[in-house]
Every structure is written in C-alpha cells, then in structure tokens.
N, C-alpha and C. Protein backbone atom coordinates (compact mmCIF):
# COMPACT_ATOMS: atom_id res chain seq x y z
N UNK A 1 63.35 112.21 89.27
CA UNK A 1 63.20 112.04 90.72
C UNK A 1 64.56 112.06 91.39
N UNK A 2 64.64 112.73 92.52
CA UNK A 2 65.88 112.78 93.30
C UNK A 2 65.76 111.91 94.55
N UNK A 3 66.87 111.29 94.91
CA UNK A 3 66.94 110.50 96.14
C UNK A 3 67.52 111.35 97.26
N UNK A 4 66.86 111.34 98.41
CA UNK A 4 67.34 112.08 99.58
C UNK A 4 67.40 111.12 100.75
N UNK A 5 68.60 110.89 101.26
CA UNK A 5 68.82 109.95 102.35
C UNK A 5 69.31 110.71 103.58
N UNK A 6 68.66 110.48 104.71
CA UNK A 6 68.97 111.21 105.94
C UNK A 6 69.74 110.34 106.93
N UNK A 7 70.72 110.94 107.57
CA UNK A 7 71.30 110.40 108.79
C UNK A 7 70.27 110.62 109.91
N UNK A 8 70.54 110.09 111.10
CA UNK A 8 69.59 110.26 112.21
C UNK A 8 70.16 111.16 113.31
N UNK A 9 71.17 110.68 114.02
CA UNK A 9 71.66 111.38 115.21
C UNK A 9 72.32 112.70 114.83
N UNK A 10 71.77 113.79 115.36
CA UNK A 10 72.28 115.12 115.04
C UNK A 10 71.74 115.68 113.74
N UNK A 11 71.02 114.85 113.00
CA UNK A 11 70.45 115.28 111.72
C UNK A 11 68.94 115.37 111.80
N UNK A 12 68.28 114.28 112.14
CA UNK A 12 66.83 114.30 112.32
C UNK A 12 66.44 114.51 113.77
N UNK A 13 67.28 114.04 114.70
CA UNK A 13 66.95 114.19 116.12
C UNK A 13 68.17 114.65 116.91
N UNK A 14 67.89 115.30 118.04
CA UNK A 14 68.93 115.78 118.94
C UNK A 14 69.30 114.64 119.89
N UNK A 15 70.24 113.81 119.47
CA UNK A 15 70.50 112.60 120.26
C UNK A 15 71.97 112.28 120.44
N UNK A 16 72.86 113.05 119.89
CA UNK A 16 74.28 112.68 119.90
C UNK A 16 74.81 112.50 121.32
N UNK A 17 74.47 113.40 122.22
CA UNK A 17 75.05 113.35 123.57
C UNK A 17 74.63 112.09 124.32
N UNK A 18 73.35 111.85 124.43
CA UNK A 18 72.92 110.69 125.20
C UNK A 18 73.19 109.38 124.46
N UNK A 19 73.16 109.40 123.14
CA UNK A 19 73.44 108.19 122.37
C UNK A 19 74.87 107.72 122.60
N UNK A 20 75.81 108.64 122.52
CA UNK A 20 77.22 108.30 122.73
C UNK A 20 77.45 107.81 124.15
N UNK A 21 76.87 108.49 125.13
CA UNK A 21 77.06 108.10 126.52
C UNK A 21 76.52 106.70 126.79
N UNK A 22 75.35 106.38 126.24
CA UNK A 22 74.76 105.06 126.45
C UNK A 22 75.54 103.98 125.71
N UNK A 23 76.06 104.31 124.56
CA UNK A 23 76.88 103.36 123.79
C UNK A 23 78.13 102.97 124.59
N UNK A 24 78.81 103.97 125.11
CA UNK A 24 80.03 103.70 125.89
C UNK A 24 79.68 102.91 127.16
N UNK A 25 78.57 103.25 127.78
CA UNK A 25 78.15 102.52 128.99
C UNK A 25 77.86 101.06 128.66
N UNK A 26 77.21 100.82 127.51
CA UNK A 26 76.92 99.45 127.10
C UNK A 26 78.19 98.65 126.87
N UNK A 27 79.18 99.28 126.22
CA UNK A 27 80.46 98.61 125.98
C UNK A 27 81.12 98.24 127.31
N UNK A 28 81.15 99.17 128.24
CA UNK A 28 81.80 98.92 129.53
C UNK A 28 81.02 97.91 130.37
N UNK A 29 79.70 97.95 130.30
CA UNK A 29 78.90 96.99 131.06
C UNK A 29 79.19 95.55 130.63
N UNK A 30 79.41 95.36 129.35
CA UNK A 30 79.63 94.02 128.82
C UNK A 30 81.11 93.62 128.87
N UNK A 31 82.00 94.54 128.57
CA UNK A 31 83.42 94.20 128.38
C UNK A 31 84.33 94.70 129.50
N UNK A 32 83.82 95.53 130.38
CA UNK A 32 84.64 96.03 131.48
C UNK A 32 85.56 97.15 131.03
N UNK A 33 86.62 97.36 131.81
CA UNK A 33 87.57 98.44 131.52
C UNK A 33 88.43 98.05 130.33
N UNK A 34 88.48 98.92 129.34
CA UNK A 34 89.30 98.68 128.16
C UNK A 34 89.58 100.01 127.46
N UNK A 35 90.46 99.97 126.49
CA UNK A 35 90.85 101.20 125.78
C UNK A 35 89.73 101.63 124.84
N UNK A 36 89.26 102.85 125.04
CA UNK A 36 88.26 103.44 124.14
C UNK A 36 88.72 104.86 123.81
N UNK A 37 88.72 105.21 122.55
CA UNK A 37 89.04 106.57 122.13
C UNK A 37 87.73 107.34 121.98
N UNK A 38 87.53 108.33 122.81
CA UNK A 38 86.23 108.99 122.87
C UNK A 38 85.96 109.96 121.73
N UNK A 39 86.98 110.27 120.95
CA UNK A 39 86.78 111.02 119.71
C UNK A 39 86.55 110.00 118.60
N UNK A 40 85.32 109.92 118.11
CA UNK A 40 85.00 108.89 117.10
C UNK A 40 85.78 109.08 115.82
N UNK A 41 86.36 110.26 115.60
CA UNK A 41 87.17 110.46 114.40
C UNK A 41 88.43 109.59 114.41
N UNK A 42 88.79 109.04 115.56
CA UNK A 42 89.94 108.15 115.66
C UNK A 42 89.70 106.86 114.86
N UNK A 43 88.42 106.44 114.79
CA UNK A 43 88.10 105.16 114.19
C UNK A 43 87.83 105.30 112.68
N UNK A 44 88.20 104.26 111.95
CA UNK A 44 88.03 104.28 110.49
C UNK A 44 86.58 104.03 110.11
N UNK A 45 85.91 103.12 110.81
CA UNK A 45 84.52 102.77 110.52
C UNK A 45 83.63 103.39 111.59
N UNK A 46 83.11 104.57 111.31
CA UNK A 46 82.34 105.28 112.34
C UNK A 46 80.88 104.85 112.28
N UNK A 47 80.65 103.63 112.73
CA UNK A 47 79.31 103.06 112.89
C UNK A 47 79.33 102.29 114.20
N UNK A 48 78.17 101.95 114.72
CA UNK A 48 78.13 101.23 116.00
C UNK A 48 78.90 99.92 115.93
N UNK A 49 78.67 99.13 114.89
CA UNK A 49 79.40 97.87 114.75
C UNK A 49 80.86 98.09 114.39
N UNK A 50 81.11 99.09 113.54
CA UNK A 50 82.48 99.34 113.10
C UNK A 50 83.39 99.83 114.22
N UNK A 51 82.91 100.79 114.99
CA UNK A 51 83.69 101.28 116.13
C UNK A 51 83.96 100.16 117.11
N UNK A 52 82.93 99.39 117.42
CA UNK A 52 83.09 98.32 118.38
C UNK A 52 84.06 97.24 117.89
N UNK A 53 84.02 96.94 116.60
CA UNK A 53 84.96 95.95 116.06
C UNK A 53 86.39 96.43 116.21
N UNK A 54 86.62 97.73 116.04
CA UNK A 54 87.96 98.28 116.19
C UNK A 54 88.38 98.34 117.66
N UNK A 55 87.44 98.65 118.54
CA UNK A 55 87.73 98.62 119.98
C UNK A 55 88.14 97.21 120.41
N UNK A 56 87.39 96.22 119.96
CA UNK A 56 87.68 94.83 120.31
C UNK A 56 89.06 94.41 119.79
N UNK A 57 89.35 94.77 118.55
CA UNK A 57 90.64 94.40 117.97
C UNK A 57 91.79 95.04 118.74
N UNK A 58 91.67 96.32 119.09
CA UNK A 58 92.72 97.02 119.81
C UNK A 58 92.93 96.43 121.20
N UNK A 59 91.87 95.88 121.77
CA UNK A 59 91.95 95.31 123.12
C UNK A 59 92.18 93.80 123.12
N UNK A 60 92.53 93.24 121.96
CA UNK A 60 92.97 91.86 121.89
C UNK A 60 91.90 90.81 121.78
N UNK A 61 90.69 91.17 121.40
CA UNK A 61 89.62 90.19 121.21
C UNK A 61 89.74 89.59 119.81
N UNK A 62 89.78 88.27 119.72
CA UNK A 62 89.95 87.60 118.43
C UNK A 62 88.66 87.48 117.65
N UNK A 63 87.56 87.22 118.32
CA UNK A 63 86.27 87.01 117.65
C UNK A 63 85.29 88.09 118.09
N UNK A 64 85.09 89.11 117.26
CA UNK A 64 84.25 90.23 117.70
C UNK A 64 82.76 89.94 117.69
N UNK A 65 82.31 88.96 116.89
CA UNK A 65 80.87 88.80 116.64
C UNK A 65 80.05 88.60 117.91
N UNK A 66 80.37 87.64 118.79
CA UNK A 66 79.53 87.47 119.99
C UNK A 66 79.56 88.67 120.92
N UNK A 67 80.69 89.36 120.98
CA UNK A 67 80.78 90.54 121.83
C UNK A 67 79.97 91.70 121.26
N UNK A 68 79.99 91.84 119.95
CA UNK A 68 79.17 92.87 119.32
C UNK A 68 77.70 92.59 119.58
N UNK A 69 77.29 91.35 119.46
CA UNK A 69 75.89 91.00 119.72
C UNK A 69 75.49 91.31 121.15
N UNK A 70 76.38 91.01 122.10
CA UNK A 70 76.07 91.27 123.51
C UNK A 70 75.98 92.76 123.80
N UNK A 71 76.91 93.53 123.26
CA UNK A 71 76.87 94.98 123.46
C UNK A 71 75.64 95.58 122.79
N UNK A 72 75.30 95.09 121.61
CA UNK A 72 74.12 95.58 120.91
C UNK A 72 72.87 95.39 121.76
N UNK A 73 72.74 94.22 122.35
CA UNK A 73 71.58 93.94 123.21
C UNK A 73 71.56 94.84 124.44
N UNK A 74 72.72 95.02 125.06
CA UNK A 74 72.81 95.89 126.25
C UNK A 74 72.48 97.33 125.90
N UNK A 75 72.95 97.78 124.74
CA UNK A 75 72.68 99.14 124.29
C UNK A 75 71.17 99.34 124.10
N UNK A 76 70.51 98.35 123.52
CA UNK A 76 69.06 98.44 123.34
C UNK A 76 68.34 98.54 124.67
N UNK A 77 68.79 97.77 125.65
CA UNK A 77 68.17 97.81 126.98
C UNK A 77 68.36 99.17 127.62
N UNK A 78 69.59 99.70 127.56
CA UNK A 78 69.87 101.01 128.14
C UNK A 78 69.09 102.12 127.44
N UNK A 79 68.98 102.03 126.12
CA UNK A 79 68.24 103.04 125.36
C UNK A 79 66.76 103.02 125.73
N UNK A 80 66.20 101.84 125.85
CA UNK A 80 64.79 101.72 126.22
C UNK A 80 64.54 102.34 127.59
N UNK A 81 65.42 102.05 128.54
CA UNK A 81 65.28 102.60 129.88
C UNK A 81 65.40 104.13 129.85
N UNK A 82 66.34 104.63 129.08
CA UNK A 82 66.55 106.08 129.00
C UNK A 82 65.31 106.77 128.40
N UNK A 83 64.78 106.23 127.34
CA UNK A 83 63.67 106.87 126.65
C UNK A 83 62.39 106.84 127.46
N UNK A 84 62.28 105.94 128.40
CA UNK A 84 61.10 105.91 129.27
C UNK A 84 61.07 107.10 130.22
N UNK A 85 62.23 107.69 130.47
CA UNK A 85 62.27 108.79 131.42
C UNK A 85 62.73 110.12 130.87
N UNK A 86 62.99 110.19 129.55
CA UNK A 86 63.50 111.41 128.96
C UNK A 86 62.76 111.74 127.66
N UNK A 87 62.64 113.04 127.42
CA UNK A 87 62.03 113.51 126.18
C UNK A 87 63.10 113.68 125.12
N UNK A 88 62.82 113.24 123.91
CA UNK A 88 63.76 113.36 122.80
C UNK A 88 63.19 114.34 121.78
N UNK A 89 64.00 115.29 121.38
CA UNK A 89 63.57 116.33 120.44
C UNK A 89 64.01 116.00 119.02
N UNK A 90 63.07 116.14 118.08
CA UNK A 90 63.45 116.15 116.67
C UNK A 90 64.05 117.52 116.35
N UNK A 91 64.92 117.58 115.35
CA UNK A 91 65.40 118.88 114.92
C UNK A 91 64.22 119.72 114.46
N UNK A 92 64.27 121.03 114.69
CA UNK A 92 63.15 121.89 114.28
C UNK A 92 62.78 121.68 112.81
N UNK A 93 61.51 121.39 112.58
CA UNK A 93 60.99 121.21 111.23
C UNK A 93 61.12 119.81 110.68
N UNK A 94 61.84 118.92 111.36
CA UNK A 94 62.13 117.60 110.79
C UNK A 94 60.87 116.74 110.63
N UNK A 95 59.98 116.78 111.61
CA UNK A 95 58.78 115.93 111.56
C UNK A 95 57.94 116.27 110.34
N UNK A 96 57.67 117.55 110.15
CA UNK A 96 56.82 117.97 109.02
C UNK A 96 57.52 117.76 107.69
N UNK A 97 58.81 118.07 107.64
CA UNK A 97 59.56 117.92 106.38
C UNK A 97 59.55 116.46 105.91
N UNK A 98 59.79 115.53 106.82
CA UNK A 98 59.83 114.13 106.43
C UNK A 98 58.48 113.67 105.88
N UNK A 99 57.40 114.10 106.51
CA UNK A 99 56.07 113.73 106.01
C UNK A 99 55.80 114.35 104.64
N UNK A 100 56.23 115.58 104.46
CA UNK A 100 56.02 116.24 103.17
C UNK A 100 56.79 115.53 102.07
N UNK A 101 58.03 115.17 102.35
CA UNK A 101 58.85 114.55 101.32
C UNK A 101 58.37 113.14 101.00
N UNK A 102 57.82 112.43 101.99
CA UNK A 102 57.27 111.09 101.75
C UNK A 102 56.16 111.12 100.71
N UNK A 103 55.38 112.18 100.71
CA UNK A 103 54.23 112.28 99.82
C UNK A 103 54.53 113.05 98.54
N UNK A 104 55.76 113.47 98.37
CA UNK A 104 56.16 114.25 97.19
C UNK A 104 56.69 113.31 96.12
N UNK A 105 56.02 113.28 94.97
CA UNK A 105 56.40 112.35 93.89
C UNK A 105 57.75 112.69 93.26
N UNK A 106 58.29 113.85 93.59
CA UNK A 106 59.58 114.25 93.04
C UNK A 106 60.76 113.69 93.80
N UNK A 107 60.49 113.00 94.92
CA UNK A 107 61.58 112.51 95.77
C UNK A 107 61.34 111.08 96.23
N UNK A 108 62.45 110.36 96.37
CA UNK A 108 62.46 109.10 97.11
C UNK A 108 63.25 109.36 98.38
N UNK A 109 62.73 108.92 99.52
CA UNK A 109 63.33 109.25 100.81
C UNK A 109 63.80 107.98 101.50
N UNK A 110 64.99 108.05 102.10
CA UNK A 110 65.52 106.94 102.86
C UNK A 110 66.25 107.42 104.10
N UNK A 111 66.56 106.50 104.98
CA UNK A 111 67.33 106.81 106.19
C UNK A 111 68.48 105.83 106.29
N UNK A 112 69.68 106.35 106.43
CA UNK A 112 70.89 105.51 106.56
C UNK A 112 71.68 106.03 107.75
N UNK A 113 71.75 105.22 108.80
CA UNK A 113 72.41 105.63 110.04
C UNK A 113 73.56 104.71 110.38
N UNK A 114 74.57 105.27 111.01
CA UNK A 114 75.66 104.46 111.50
C UNK A 114 75.32 103.73 112.78
N UNK A 115 74.17 104.03 113.36
CA UNK A 115 73.72 103.35 114.57
C UNK A 115 73.09 102.01 114.23
N UNK A 116 72.79 101.23 115.26
CA UNK A 116 72.06 99.98 115.06
C UNK A 116 70.59 100.25 114.82
N UNK A 117 69.95 99.34 114.12
CA UNK A 117 68.57 99.57 113.72
C UNK A 117 67.58 99.62 114.86
N UNK A 118 67.75 98.76 115.87
CA UNK A 118 66.75 98.71 116.95
C UNK A 118 66.74 100.00 117.75
N UNK A 119 67.91 100.56 118.05
CA UNK A 119 67.95 101.81 118.80
C UNK A 119 67.57 103.00 117.92
N UNK A 120 67.88 102.93 116.64
CA UNK A 120 67.49 104.00 115.71
C UNK A 120 65.97 104.15 115.69
N UNK A 121 65.28 103.04 115.59
CA UNK A 121 63.81 103.09 115.54
C UNK A 121 63.22 103.57 116.87
N UNK A 122 63.82 103.17 117.97
CA UNK A 122 63.36 103.64 119.27
C UNK A 122 63.46 105.17 119.36
N UNK A 123 64.59 105.71 118.94
CA UNK A 123 64.81 107.16 119.03
C UNK A 123 63.89 107.93 118.10
N UNK A 124 63.73 107.44 116.89
CA UNK A 124 62.85 108.12 115.92
C UNK A 124 61.41 108.16 116.43
N UNK A 125 60.94 107.04 116.97
CA UNK A 125 59.57 106.99 117.50
C UNK A 125 59.42 107.94 118.68
N UNK A 126 60.43 107.98 119.56
CA UNK A 126 60.37 108.86 120.73
C UNK A 126 60.33 110.32 120.34
N UNK A 127 60.96 110.65 119.20
CA UNK A 127 60.99 112.04 118.73
C UNK A 127 59.79 112.39 117.86
N UNK A 128 58.88 111.43 117.66
CA UNK A 128 57.67 111.71 116.90
C UNK A 128 57.83 111.66 115.40
N UNK A 129 58.88 110.98 114.92
CA UNK A 129 59.11 110.88 113.48
C UNK A 129 58.51 109.58 112.94
N UNK A 130 57.56 109.72 112.04
CA UNK A 130 56.89 108.57 111.43
C UNK A 130 57.68 108.14 110.20
N UNK A 131 58.31 106.96 110.27
CA UNK A 131 59.12 106.49 109.14
C UNK A 131 58.44 105.35 108.40
N UNK A 132 57.16 105.16 108.60
CA UNK A 132 56.43 104.11 107.89
C UNK A 132 56.58 104.32 106.38
N UNK A 133 57.01 103.28 105.70
CA UNK A 133 57.19 103.36 104.25
C UNK A 133 58.52 103.91 103.81
N UNK A 134 59.39 104.28 104.77
CA UNK A 134 60.72 104.81 104.43
C UNK A 134 61.77 103.74 104.71
N UNK A 135 62.57 103.35 103.73
CA UNK A 135 63.64 102.38 104.00
C UNK A 135 64.61 102.92 105.04
N UNK A 136 64.98 102.06 105.99
CA UNK A 136 65.97 102.43 107.00
C UNK A 136 67.06 101.36 107.02
N UNK A 137 68.29 101.79 106.79
CA UNK A 137 69.44 100.89 106.86
C UNK A 137 70.38 101.38 107.95
N UNK A 138 71.11 100.43 108.54
CA UNK A 138 71.85 100.73 109.75
C UNK A 138 73.14 99.92 109.83
N UNK A 139 73.78 100.00 110.97
CA UNK A 139 75.00 99.24 111.21
C UNK A 139 74.73 97.74 111.29
N UNK A 140 73.48 97.34 111.32
CA UNK A 140 73.14 95.93 111.19
C UNK A 140 73.39 95.43 109.76
N UNK A 141 73.39 96.36 108.80
CA UNK A 141 73.56 96.01 107.39
C UNK A 141 75.01 96.04 106.93
N UNK A 142 75.83 96.85 107.57
CA UNK A 142 77.24 96.95 107.20
C UNK A 142 78.01 97.63 108.32
N UNK A 143 79.29 97.27 108.47
CA UNK A 143 80.15 97.97 109.41
C UNK A 143 80.60 99.31 108.83
N UNK A 144 80.52 99.45 107.51
CA UNK A 144 80.99 100.65 106.81
C UNK A 144 79.83 101.59 106.52
N UNK A 145 80.04 102.88 106.73
CA UNK A 145 78.97 103.85 106.47
C UNK A 145 78.56 103.85 105.01
N UNK A 146 79.54 103.74 104.11
CA UNK A 146 79.20 103.72 102.69
C UNK A 146 78.33 102.52 102.34
N UNK A 147 78.62 101.37 102.95
CA UNK A 147 77.81 100.18 102.70
C UNK A 147 76.38 100.36 103.15
N UNK A 148 76.20 101.02 104.28
CA UNK A 148 74.85 101.31 104.80
C UNK A 148 74.11 102.23 103.83
N UNK A 149 74.79 103.25 103.37
CA UNK A 149 74.18 104.22 102.46
C UNK A 149 73.81 103.57 101.12
N UNK A 150 74.70 102.73 100.61
CA UNK A 150 74.43 102.06 99.33
C UNK A 150 73.27 101.08 99.46
N UNK A 151 73.20 100.37 100.59
CA UNK A 151 72.09 99.45 100.80
C UNK A 151 70.76 100.21 100.82
N UNK A 152 70.75 101.34 101.50
CA UNK A 152 69.53 102.15 101.56
C UNK A 152 69.11 102.60 100.17
N UNK A 153 70.07 103.07 99.38
CA UNK A 153 69.75 103.53 98.03
C UNK A 153 69.18 102.40 97.19
N UNK A 154 69.75 101.19 97.33
CA UNK A 154 69.27 100.05 96.55
C UNK A 154 67.83 99.71 96.88
N UNK A 155 67.41 99.99 98.11
CA UNK A 155 66.04 99.73 98.53
C UNK A 155 65.07 100.79 98.02
N UNK A 156 65.61 101.94 97.63
CA UNK A 156 64.78 103.06 97.21
C UNK A 156 64.48 103.05 95.71
N UNK A 157 65.29 102.33 94.94
CA UNK A 157 65.08 102.30 93.50
C UNK A 157 66.34 102.62 92.75
N UNK A 158 66.19 103.07 91.52
CA UNK A 158 67.34 103.40 90.68
C UNK A 158 66.96 104.46 89.66
N UNK A 159 67.95 104.91 88.90
CA UNK A 159 67.69 105.90 87.85
C UNK A 159 67.40 107.29 88.36
N UNK A 160 67.92 107.64 89.55
CA UNK A 160 67.66 108.96 90.12
C UNK A 160 68.47 110.03 89.39
N UNK A 161 67.89 111.21 89.31
CA UNK A 161 68.58 112.33 88.69
C UNK A 161 69.72 112.83 89.57
N UNK A 162 69.55 112.76 90.87
CA UNK A 162 70.59 113.17 91.82
C UNK A 162 70.39 112.41 93.11
N UNK A 163 71.47 112.20 93.84
CA UNK A 163 71.42 111.49 95.12
C UNK A 163 72.04 112.39 96.18
N UNK A 164 71.27 112.68 97.23
CA UNK A 164 71.73 113.54 98.30
C UNK A 164 71.79 112.75 99.61
N UNK A 165 72.84 113.00 100.37
CA UNK A 165 72.89 112.49 101.74
C UNK A 165 72.91 113.69 102.68
N UNK A 166 72.07 113.64 103.71
CA UNK A 166 71.92 114.76 104.64
C UNK A 166 72.50 114.32 105.98
N UNK A 167 73.56 115.01 106.43
CA UNK A 167 74.22 114.60 107.66
C UNK A 167 74.82 115.77 108.41
N UNK A 168 75.39 115.46 109.57
CA UNK A 168 75.86 116.52 110.46
C UNK A 168 77.32 116.37 110.89
N UNK A 169 78.04 115.39 110.34
CA UNK A 169 79.39 115.12 110.83
C UNK A 169 80.38 115.02 109.66
N UNK A 170 81.66 115.16 110.00
CA UNK A 170 82.69 115.09 108.97
C UNK A 170 82.74 113.72 108.32
N UNK A 171 82.48 112.65 109.09
CA UNK A 171 82.49 111.32 108.47
C UNK A 171 81.34 111.15 107.50
N UNK A 172 80.25 111.89 107.69
CA UNK A 172 79.16 111.88 106.71
C UNK A 172 79.63 112.51 105.39
N UNK A 173 80.35 113.61 105.51
CA UNK A 173 80.88 114.27 104.32
C UNK A 173 81.82 113.34 103.58
N UNK A 174 82.73 112.71 104.31
CA UNK A 174 83.73 111.84 103.69
C UNK A 174 83.07 110.67 102.96
N UNK A 175 82.11 110.03 103.61
CA UNK A 175 81.44 108.88 102.99
C UNK A 175 80.66 109.30 101.75
N UNK A 176 80.00 110.44 101.82
CA UNK A 176 79.23 110.94 100.67
C UNK A 176 80.14 111.22 99.49
N UNK A 177 81.27 111.84 99.76
CA UNK A 177 82.22 112.14 98.68
C UNK A 177 82.79 110.88 98.06
N UNK A 178 83.08 109.87 98.89
CA UNK A 178 83.61 108.62 98.35
C UNK A 178 82.61 107.93 97.43
N UNK A 179 81.32 108.10 97.72
CA UNK A 179 80.29 107.50 96.88
C UNK A 179 79.97 108.35 95.64
N UNK A 180 80.44 109.59 95.63
CA UNK A 180 80.15 110.47 94.51
C UNK A 180 78.76 111.08 94.55
N UNK A 181 78.15 111.09 95.74
CA UNK A 181 76.85 111.70 95.91
C UNK A 181 77.02 113.17 96.29
N UNK A 182 75.89 113.85 96.44
CA UNK A 182 75.90 115.23 96.90
C UNK A 182 75.57 115.27 98.40
N UNK A 183 76.22 116.19 99.10
CA UNK A 183 76.05 116.28 100.55
C UNK A 183 75.35 117.56 100.93
N UNK A 184 74.43 117.44 101.90
CA UNK A 184 73.81 118.62 102.51
C UNK A 184 74.07 118.55 104.00
N UNK A 185 74.72 119.58 104.53
CA UNK A 185 75.08 119.62 105.93
C UNK A 185 73.98 120.20 106.79
N UNK A 186 73.88 119.65 108.01
CA UNK A 186 72.91 120.13 109.00
C UNK A 186 73.68 120.48 110.27
N UNK A 187 73.42 121.66 110.83
CA UNK A 187 74.02 122.03 112.10
C UNK A 187 75.37 122.72 111.97
N UNK A 188 75.85 123.19 113.09
CA UNK A 188 77.03 124.06 113.10
C UNK A 188 78.35 123.35 112.86
N UNK A 189 78.44 122.07 113.20
CA UNK A 189 79.72 121.35 113.09
C UNK A 189 80.24 121.35 111.65
N UNK A 190 79.34 121.20 110.69
CA UNK A 190 79.78 121.09 109.29
C UNK A 190 79.52 122.36 108.48
N UNK A 191 79.12 123.42 109.14
CA UNK A 191 78.71 124.63 108.42
C UNK A 191 79.78 125.13 107.45
N UNK A 192 81.02 125.16 107.89
CA UNK A 192 82.10 125.70 107.06
C UNK A 192 82.78 124.64 106.20
N UNK A 193 82.24 123.42 106.21
CA UNK A 193 82.92 122.30 105.55
C UNK A 193 82.17 121.78 104.33
N UNK A 194 81.04 122.39 103.99
CA UNK A 194 80.27 121.90 102.84
C UNK A 194 79.64 123.06 102.10
N UNK A 195 79.33 122.84 100.84
CA UNK A 195 78.76 123.89 99.99
C UNK A 195 77.28 124.10 100.26
N UNK A 196 76.58 123.00 100.54
CA UNK A 196 75.14 123.09 100.79
C UNK A 196 74.90 122.83 102.27
N UNK A 197 74.18 123.74 102.93
CA UNK A 197 74.05 123.66 104.38
C UNK A 197 72.81 124.39 104.85
N UNK A 198 72.16 123.84 105.89
CA UNK A 198 71.09 124.54 106.62
C UNK A 198 71.27 124.25 108.10
N UNK A 199 70.82 125.14 108.95
CA UNK A 199 70.98 124.94 110.38
C UNK A 199 70.00 123.88 110.90
N UNK A 200 68.79 123.85 110.32
CA UNK A 200 67.77 122.85 110.68
C UNK A 200 66.75 122.83 109.55
N UNK A 201 65.55 122.29 109.80
CA UNK A 201 64.57 122.12 108.74
C UNK A 201 63.38 123.06 108.86
N UNK A 202 63.50 124.09 109.68
CA UNK A 202 62.37 125.02 109.84
C UNK A 202 62.02 125.71 108.53
N UNK A 203 63.03 126.08 107.76
CA UNK A 203 62.80 126.73 106.47
C UNK A 203 62.75 125.65 105.40
N UNK A 204 61.56 125.10 105.17
CA UNK A 204 61.42 124.00 104.22
C UNK A 204 61.76 124.44 102.80
N UNK A 205 61.44 125.67 102.47
CA UNK A 205 61.73 126.16 101.13
C UNK A 205 63.22 126.15 100.87
N UNK A 206 64.00 126.58 101.85
CA UNK A 206 65.45 126.59 101.70
C UNK A 206 65.98 125.18 101.49
N UNK A 207 65.46 124.22 102.26
CA UNK A 207 65.93 122.84 102.10
C UNK A 207 65.51 122.27 100.75
N UNK A 208 64.28 122.52 100.36
CA UNK A 208 63.79 122.02 99.07
C UNK A 208 64.62 122.58 97.92
N UNK A 209 65.03 123.83 98.04
CA UNK A 209 65.87 124.41 96.99
C UNK A 209 67.20 123.67 96.86
N UNK A 210 67.72 123.19 97.98
CA UNK A 210 69.00 122.48 97.94
C UNK A 210 68.89 121.10 97.30
N UNK A 211 67.75 120.44 97.47
CA UNK A 211 67.63 119.07 96.95
C UNK A 211 66.87 118.99 95.63
N UNK A 212 66.48 120.12 95.08
CA UNK A 212 65.68 120.11 93.87
C UNK A 212 66.50 120.21 92.59
N UNK A 213 67.68 120.80 92.69
CA UNK A 213 68.51 120.99 91.50
C UNK A 213 69.90 120.47 91.74
N UNK A 214 70.45 119.79 90.77
CA UNK A 214 71.82 119.29 90.87
C UNK A 214 72.77 120.43 90.61
N UNK A 215 73.77 120.58 91.51
CA UNK A 215 74.71 121.70 91.37
C UNK A 215 75.80 121.35 90.37
C-alpha cells in the first residue's frame, strides 16, 4: 500500500489568491500596521502559525501565542464571510479523484496543509470535496510543514511501500525532500522543478501511474 498526502491551497482547490489576501487582512485587523513580507518564501516556516510567529518576532512581540489565537479567530471569521458570497473551485478532477482513492485498497490518503484546520475545512467543503474518513493535519498541529506532514502520516498507518506528497509550491518540494518522501507537483509553478508532475487531476490514469510505482 502507498501513502498519498495532499496539500490543499493550489493543489486540491483554487484558493491561493483569496486565502493569502484574507490572511494578511486578518493579521492587520488584529495587529495593525506592521512589517510583513508578502513573498512567503522569505519565511522559514511557511505555515499559517509559522509565518505569523515570525512576523510577530520581527515586529517585537514577545509572546506570540495570544496574538496567533486572535488572528486565527479573525481569519476564520473573514473566511466564513468570504465563502458566503463567493464560489470556490476545486482543481479539475480533484473531487472525483479523492473519492476514488478513498475507496482504493491500494492507497491510504491524507491531507496535510500549512493552513489552519478550521479554514481548511471551510474551503474544502465550499469546493465540494468530501474528506470524511481522511486524516487532515494543519498548522494547528505544528508550526513546521514537516511536522504537519509527519503527523498526518502517523494517523494514516505505517509500513507503506512508498510515501507521496502532492503539492504546488517550492516549500512543498523542500519539505518533502527533507522527509525523504516522493513529491508530485501540481500546476505550473513547480512544473520545471520536480520529476513527477501533472497540471491537474483530470487525467486520473496519469496521476495513478505516478503514485503506483516507486521511482
């Protein structure tokens, strides 16, 4: 059996643009004007909690925990309001692929996102993705992406023949390599940066071929 763990934003759903905008708005609503680097590659821990902890440290906050909690709550409120008035698209083929893999005895499926869990579930539901029975780990579990991924894998079982992480960003590639797992890239950003890649999930056969055999 192979383990296949999916990222969310930009991987299962088209959400990077509005997710980032709402995150920054939540930070500013709670903390006011402060230094923020809008290229997430600037930060070492590219997760919702990790980025915010680094923002707080750079801006002189000694105790990040209460501020992270406040921003997390504000972000959830803003996301709920946004989703009430906007349609969210799953990546082409993602809804059917996830259901197929859930019922396939050859795979264990998980979701590991750098986002917070409450907003992750809101976005997945809005995009029509049924994750019932699929472990989901998030920035609530660790500030580090690798920690989130490892927690998800631990919930899925052990003794896998191969472990794949499916993501759309360079930090996904880096985290996967540090863990010694195999990476499958989604979308144009990582197309030239990984060996295994698909543009989306419309061609299920192509994706299944990538996760069925260890390279």
